[in-house]
N, C-alpha and C. Protein backbone atom coordinates (compact mmCIF):
# COMPACT_ATOMS: atom_id res chain seq x y z
N MET A 1 -39.53 12.98 23.06
CA MET A 1 -39.35 11.56 23.23
C MET A 1 -39.52 10.82 21.91
N GLY A 2 -40.44 11.32 21.07
CA GLY A 2 -40.67 10.71 19.77
C GLY A 2 -39.45 10.79 18.87
N ASP A 3 -38.68 11.90 18.99
CA ASP A 3 -37.47 12.05 18.19
C ASP A 3 -36.42 11.03 18.57
N VAL A 4 -36.30 10.73 19.86
CA VAL A 4 -35.33 9.75 20.32
C VAL A 4 -35.68 8.36 19.78
N ILE A 5 -36.94 8.01 19.82
CA ILE A 5 -37.37 6.71 19.30
C ILE A 5 -37.15 6.66 17.79
N SER A 6 -37.47 7.75 17.11
CA SER A 6 -37.28 7.81 15.66
C SER A 6 -35.80 7.68 15.30
N ASP A 7 -34.93 8.39 16.04
CA ASP A 7 -33.49 8.29 15.80
C ASP A 7 -32.98 6.89 16.07
N ASP A 8 -33.50 6.26 17.12
CA ASP A 8 -33.07 4.91 17.45
C ASP A 8 -33.49 3.93 16.35
N ARG A 9 -34.69 4.08 15.86
CA ARG A 9 -35.15 3.19 14.78
C ARG A 9 -34.37 3.45 13.50
N THR A 10 -34.07 4.70 13.21
CA THR A 10 -33.28 5.02 12.02
C THR A 10 -31.90 4.38 12.12
N TRP A 11 -31.28 4.46 13.29
CA TRP A 11 -29.98 3.85 13.52
C TRP A 11 -30.06 2.34 13.34
N MET A 12 -31.11 1.72 13.86
CA MET A 12 -31.27 0.28 13.75
C MET A 12 -31.47 -0.14 12.29
N VAL A 13 -32.29 0.59 11.54
CA VAL A 13 -32.51 0.27 10.13
C VAL A 13 -31.21 0.45 9.35
N ALA A 14 -30.48 1.51 9.66
CA ALA A 14 -29.20 1.74 8.97
C ALA A 14 -28.23 0.59 9.23
N ASN A 15 -28.20 0.10 10.46
CA ASN A 15 -27.33 -1.04 10.76
C ASN A 15 -27.77 -2.29 10.01
N TYR A 16 -29.07 -2.51 9.90
CA TYR A 16 -29.57 -3.66 9.14
C TYR A 16 -29.16 -3.56 7.68
N VAL A 17 -29.24 -2.36 7.13
CA VAL A 17 -28.85 -2.17 5.73
C VAL A 17 -27.36 -2.43 5.55
N VAL A 18 -26.55 -1.96 6.48
CA VAL A 18 -25.10 -2.19 6.41
C VAL A 18 -24.80 -3.67 6.50
N VAL A 19 -25.44 -4.36 7.42
CA VAL A 19 -25.20 -5.80 7.57
C VAL A 19 -25.66 -6.56 6.33
N ALA A 20 -26.80 -6.20 5.78
CA ALA A 20 -27.30 -6.88 4.58
C ALA A 20 -26.36 -6.66 3.39
N GLY A 21 -25.94 -5.43 3.18
CA GLY A 21 -25.02 -5.13 2.08
C GLY A 21 -23.68 -5.82 2.27
N SER A 22 -23.18 -5.80 3.49
CA SER A 22 -21.90 -6.47 3.78
C SER A 22 -22.00 -7.97 3.57
N THR A 23 -23.12 -8.55 3.95
CA THR A 23 -23.32 -9.99 3.77
C THR A 23 -23.33 -10.34 2.29
N LEU A 24 -24.00 -9.55 1.48
CA LEU A 24 -24.01 -9.80 0.04
C LEU A 24 -22.61 -9.67 -0.56
N TRP A 25 -21.86 -8.66 -0.11
CA TRP A 25 -20.51 -8.46 -0.64
C TRP A 25 -19.61 -9.62 -0.23
N ILE A 26 -19.70 -10.07 1.02
CA ILE A 26 -18.87 -11.18 1.49
C ILE A 26 -19.24 -12.47 0.77
N ALA A 27 -20.54 -12.69 0.50
CA ALA A 27 -20.96 -13.87 -0.26
C ALA A 27 -20.35 -13.84 -1.66
N GLU A 28 -20.36 -12.68 -2.30
CA GLU A 28 -19.76 -12.55 -3.62
C GLU A 28 -18.25 -12.73 -3.54
N PHE A 29 -17.64 -12.23 -2.48
CA PHE A 29 -16.20 -12.38 -2.27
C PHE A 29 -15.83 -13.85 -2.20
N ILE A 30 -16.58 -14.62 -1.42
CA ILE A 30 -16.31 -16.05 -1.27
C ILE A 30 -16.59 -16.79 -2.58
N GLU A 31 -17.65 -16.41 -3.27
CA GLU A 31 -18.02 -17.07 -4.51
C GLU A 31 -16.98 -16.86 -5.61
N THR A 32 -16.36 -15.70 -5.65
CA THR A 32 -15.38 -15.41 -6.70
C THR A 32 -13.95 -15.73 -6.28
N LEU A 33 -13.74 -16.23 -5.08
CA LEU A 33 -12.40 -16.55 -4.60
C LEU A 33 -11.70 -17.60 -5.46
N PRO A 34 -12.36 -18.69 -5.88
CA PRO A 34 -11.67 -19.66 -6.75
C PRO A 34 -11.20 -19.04 -8.08
N THR A 35 -12.00 -18.15 -8.64
CA THR A 35 -11.60 -17.48 -9.88
C THR A 35 -10.40 -16.58 -9.62
N GLU A 36 -10.41 -15.89 -8.48
CA GLU A 36 -9.26 -15.04 -8.14
C GLU A 36 -8.01 -15.88 -7.97
N ILE A 37 -8.12 -17.00 -7.30
CA ILE A 37 -6.95 -17.86 -7.08
C ILE A 37 -6.39 -18.33 -8.41
N ASP A 38 -7.27 -18.78 -9.32
CA ASP A 38 -6.81 -19.25 -10.63
C ASP A 38 -6.21 -18.12 -11.47
N SER A 39 -6.83 -16.95 -11.44
CA SER A 39 -6.41 -15.86 -12.31
C SER A 39 -5.23 -15.07 -11.77
N ILE A 40 -5.18 -14.86 -10.46
CA ILE A 40 -4.17 -13.97 -9.88
C ILE A 40 -3.04 -14.75 -9.23
N TRP A 41 -3.36 -15.68 -8.36
CA TRP A 41 -2.35 -16.32 -7.54
C TRP A 41 -1.62 -17.46 -8.26
N VAL A 42 -2.32 -18.26 -9.05
CA VAL A 42 -1.67 -19.37 -9.74
C VAL A 42 -0.78 -18.84 -10.87
N ASN A 43 -1.26 -17.83 -11.57
CA ASN A 43 -0.52 -17.24 -12.67
C ASN A 43 0.80 -16.63 -12.19
N ARG A 44 0.76 -15.98 -11.03
CA ARG A 44 1.91 -15.35 -10.38
C ARG A 44 2.61 -14.30 -11.25
N LYS A 45 1.92 -13.81 -12.23
CA LYS A 45 2.46 -12.74 -13.06
C LYS A 45 1.89 -11.43 -12.54
N THR A 46 2.73 -10.60 -11.97
CA THR A 46 2.28 -9.35 -11.37
C THR A 46 2.19 -8.27 -12.44
N THR A 47 0.97 -7.79 -12.62
CA THR A 47 0.74 -6.69 -13.55
C THR A 47 0.07 -5.56 -12.79
N GLY A 48 0.00 -4.42 -13.41
CA GLY A 48 -0.69 -3.29 -12.79
C GLY A 48 -2.15 -3.59 -12.56
N THR A 49 -2.75 -4.30 -13.50
CA THR A 49 -4.16 -4.66 -13.37
C THR A 49 -4.39 -5.60 -12.20
N SER A 50 -3.51 -6.58 -12.04
CA SER A 50 -3.69 -7.52 -10.92
C SER A 50 -3.48 -6.82 -9.59
N MET A 51 -2.54 -5.90 -9.52
CA MET A 51 -2.31 -5.17 -8.27
C MET A 51 -3.51 -4.27 -7.94
N LEU A 52 -4.05 -3.61 -8.96
CA LEU A 52 -5.23 -2.77 -8.76
C LEU A 52 -6.42 -3.61 -8.29
N PHE A 53 -6.59 -4.78 -8.90
CA PHE A 53 -7.66 -5.69 -8.51
C PHE A 53 -7.51 -6.10 -7.04
N LEU A 54 -6.32 -6.50 -6.65
CA LEU A 54 -6.09 -6.96 -5.27
C LEU A 54 -6.27 -5.83 -4.27
N MET A 55 -5.77 -4.65 -4.60
CA MET A 55 -5.94 -3.52 -3.68
C MET A 55 -7.42 -3.19 -3.51
N ASN A 56 -8.15 -3.16 -4.62
CA ASN A 56 -9.58 -2.85 -4.56
C ASN A 56 -10.32 -3.91 -3.73
N ARG A 57 -10.02 -5.15 -3.97
CA ARG A 57 -10.73 -6.26 -3.31
C ARG A 57 -10.45 -6.29 -1.81
N TYR A 58 -9.19 -6.20 -1.43
CA TYR A 58 -8.85 -6.38 -0.03
C TYR A 58 -8.94 -5.10 0.79
N MET A 59 -8.80 -3.94 0.19
CA MET A 59 -9.01 -2.70 0.94
C MET A 59 -10.48 -2.53 1.29
N PHE A 60 -11.36 -2.94 0.39
CA PHE A 60 -12.79 -2.87 0.69
C PHE A 60 -13.13 -3.83 1.82
N LEU A 61 -12.54 -5.03 1.81
CA LEU A 61 -12.76 -5.99 2.89
C LEU A 61 -12.27 -5.41 4.22
N LEU A 62 -11.12 -4.78 4.20
CA LEU A 62 -10.60 -4.14 5.41
C LEU A 62 -11.53 -3.03 5.89
N GLY A 63 -12.06 -2.26 4.96
CA GLY A 63 -13.02 -1.22 5.32
C GLY A 63 -14.29 -1.79 5.93
N LEU A 64 -14.76 -2.91 5.40
CA LEU A 64 -15.94 -3.57 5.97
C LEU A 64 -15.68 -4.04 7.39
N ILE A 65 -14.50 -4.58 7.63
CA ILE A 65 -14.15 -5.04 8.98
C ILE A 65 -14.12 -3.86 9.94
N PHE A 66 -13.47 -2.76 9.55
CA PHE A 66 -13.44 -1.58 10.42
C PHE A 66 -14.84 -1.04 10.67
N GLN A 67 -15.66 -1.01 9.64
CA GLN A 67 -17.02 -0.51 9.81
C GLN A 67 -17.82 -1.41 10.74
N ALA A 68 -17.65 -2.71 10.61
CA ALA A 68 -18.37 -3.64 11.48
C ALA A 68 -17.93 -3.46 12.93
N LEU A 69 -16.64 -3.28 13.14
CA LEU A 69 -16.15 -3.07 14.51
C LEU A 69 -16.67 -1.77 15.11
N ARG A 70 -16.84 -0.77 14.26
CA ARG A 70 -17.28 0.53 14.74
C ARG A 70 -18.79 0.57 14.98
N VAL A 71 -19.57 -0.07 14.11
CA VAL A 71 -21.02 0.11 14.11
C VAL A 71 -21.75 -0.96 14.91
N LEU A 72 -21.36 -2.20 14.75
CA LEU A 72 -22.15 -3.28 15.34
C LEU A 72 -21.96 -3.33 16.85
N PRO A 73 -22.99 -3.70 17.56
CA PRO A 73 -22.88 -3.76 19.02
C PRO A 73 -21.97 -4.90 19.46
N GLY A 74 -21.42 -4.74 20.61
CA GLY A 74 -20.55 -5.77 21.16
C GLY A 74 -20.47 -5.61 22.66
N ASN A 75 -19.63 -6.40 23.28
CA ASN A 75 -19.50 -6.31 24.73
C ASN A 75 -18.12 -5.84 25.14
N GLY A 76 -17.47 -5.05 24.27
CA GLY A 76 -16.16 -4.51 24.60
C GLY A 76 -16.27 -3.37 25.61
N THR A 77 -15.16 -3.05 26.22
CA THR A 77 -15.13 -1.96 27.18
C THR A 77 -15.09 -0.63 26.42
N ASN A 78 -15.32 0.44 27.13
CA ASN A 78 -15.24 1.77 26.52
C ASN A 78 -13.85 2.05 25.97
N LYS A 79 -12.83 1.55 26.66
CA LYS A 79 -11.46 1.75 26.20
C LYS A 79 -11.23 1.04 24.86
N ASP A 80 -11.74 -0.19 24.72
CA ASP A 80 -11.63 -0.91 23.45
C ASP A 80 -12.37 -0.17 22.35
N ASN A 81 -13.56 0.31 22.66
CA ASN A 81 -14.37 1.01 21.66
C ASN A 81 -13.69 2.30 21.21
N ARG A 82 -13.05 3.00 22.14
CA ARG A 82 -12.35 4.23 21.76
C ARG A 82 -11.21 3.94 20.80
N ARG A 83 -10.50 2.83 21.01
CA ARG A 83 -9.40 2.46 20.12
C ARG A 83 -9.91 2.20 18.71
N VAL A 84 -11.01 1.46 18.61
CA VAL A 84 -11.57 1.14 17.30
C VAL A 84 -12.04 2.40 16.60
N VAL A 85 -12.75 3.27 17.32
CA VAL A 85 -13.26 4.50 16.73
C VAL A 85 -12.09 5.40 16.31
N PHE A 86 -11.05 5.49 17.12
CA PHE A 86 -9.88 6.30 16.79
C PHE A 86 -9.19 5.75 15.53
N THR A 87 -9.01 4.43 15.46
CA THR A 87 -8.37 3.82 14.29
C THR A 87 -9.19 4.07 13.04
N PHE A 88 -10.50 3.90 13.15
CA PHE A 88 -11.38 4.14 12.01
C PHE A 88 -11.32 5.60 11.58
N ALA A 89 -11.30 6.51 12.54
CA ALA A 89 -11.26 7.94 12.22
C ALA A 89 -9.95 8.30 11.51
N MET A 90 -8.83 7.71 11.93
CA MET A 90 -7.56 7.99 11.27
C MET A 90 -7.57 7.47 9.84
N CYS A 91 -8.11 6.27 9.63
CA CYS A 91 -8.21 5.73 8.27
C CYS A 91 -9.14 6.58 7.42
N ASP A 92 -10.22 7.03 8.02
CA ASP A 92 -11.18 7.86 7.32
C ASP A 92 -10.56 9.19 6.91
N LEU A 93 -9.77 9.79 7.80
CA LEU A 93 -9.11 11.05 7.48
C LEU A 93 -8.11 10.88 6.36
N CYS A 94 -7.44 9.76 6.35
CA CYS A 94 -6.41 9.53 5.34
C CYS A 94 -7.01 9.34 3.96
N TYR A 95 -8.14 8.66 3.88
CA TYR A 95 -8.70 8.31 2.57
C TYR A 95 -9.82 9.22 2.11
N ASN A 96 -10.34 10.05 2.95
CA ASN A 96 -11.42 10.96 2.58
C ASN A 96 -10.98 12.39 2.81
N LYS A 97 -11.71 13.29 2.24
CA LYS A 97 -11.38 14.70 2.44
C LYS A 97 -11.70 15.12 3.86
N HIS A 98 -10.81 15.87 4.43
CA HIS A 98 -11.02 16.41 5.77
C HIS A 98 -12.06 17.53 5.66
N PRO A 99 -13.00 17.61 6.62
CA PRO A 99 -14.06 18.61 6.51
C PRO A 99 -13.58 20.06 6.51
N PHE A 100 -12.38 20.31 7.04
CA PHE A 100 -11.89 21.68 7.12
C PHE A 100 -10.90 22.02 6.01
N CYS A 101 -10.58 21.04 5.17
CA CYS A 101 -9.63 21.26 4.09
C CYS A 101 -10.32 21.07 2.76
N SER A 102 -9.82 21.71 1.75
CA SER A 102 -10.39 21.56 0.42
C SER A 102 -9.70 20.46 -0.38
N GLU A 103 -8.67 19.83 0.23
CA GLU A 103 -7.95 18.79 -0.49
C GLU A 103 -7.80 17.56 0.38
N ASN A 104 -7.45 16.47 -0.24
CA ASN A 104 -7.26 15.22 0.45
C ASN A 104 -6.00 15.31 1.31
N LEU A 105 -6.03 14.79 2.53
CA LEU A 105 -4.86 14.86 3.41
C LEU A 105 -3.70 14.04 2.88
N CYS A 106 -3.98 12.99 2.09
CA CYS A 106 -2.89 12.19 1.52
C CYS A 106 -2.14 12.95 0.45
N ASP A 107 -2.73 13.99 -0.11
CA ASP A 107 -2.08 14.77 -1.15
C ASP A 107 -1.20 15.88 -0.60
N ILE A 108 -1.26 16.10 0.71
CA ILE A 108 -0.50 17.19 1.31
C ILE A 108 0.95 16.80 1.44
């Protein structure tokens, strides 16, 4: 019984850490948005650096959204939760190494 309580508390602390880190990242995202608008969007000059910046910035935001949908509690049905977990798992497989393969699935 003690292991179950310990696992539950570990899960809760992990969720708090994820929420705290995500909150700090989103605050920084909002704080630097005016600089991004002036530097990237107003200039309208597409360079490799600007594309890399935008991909890095918005893919991480998308990852945070998927992680929040997967981890944080909600009142969705089991069917809704399965869709979110399946979508997250597919994205995870695409961008991370598959546990049974020695190479990235995107490189195949």
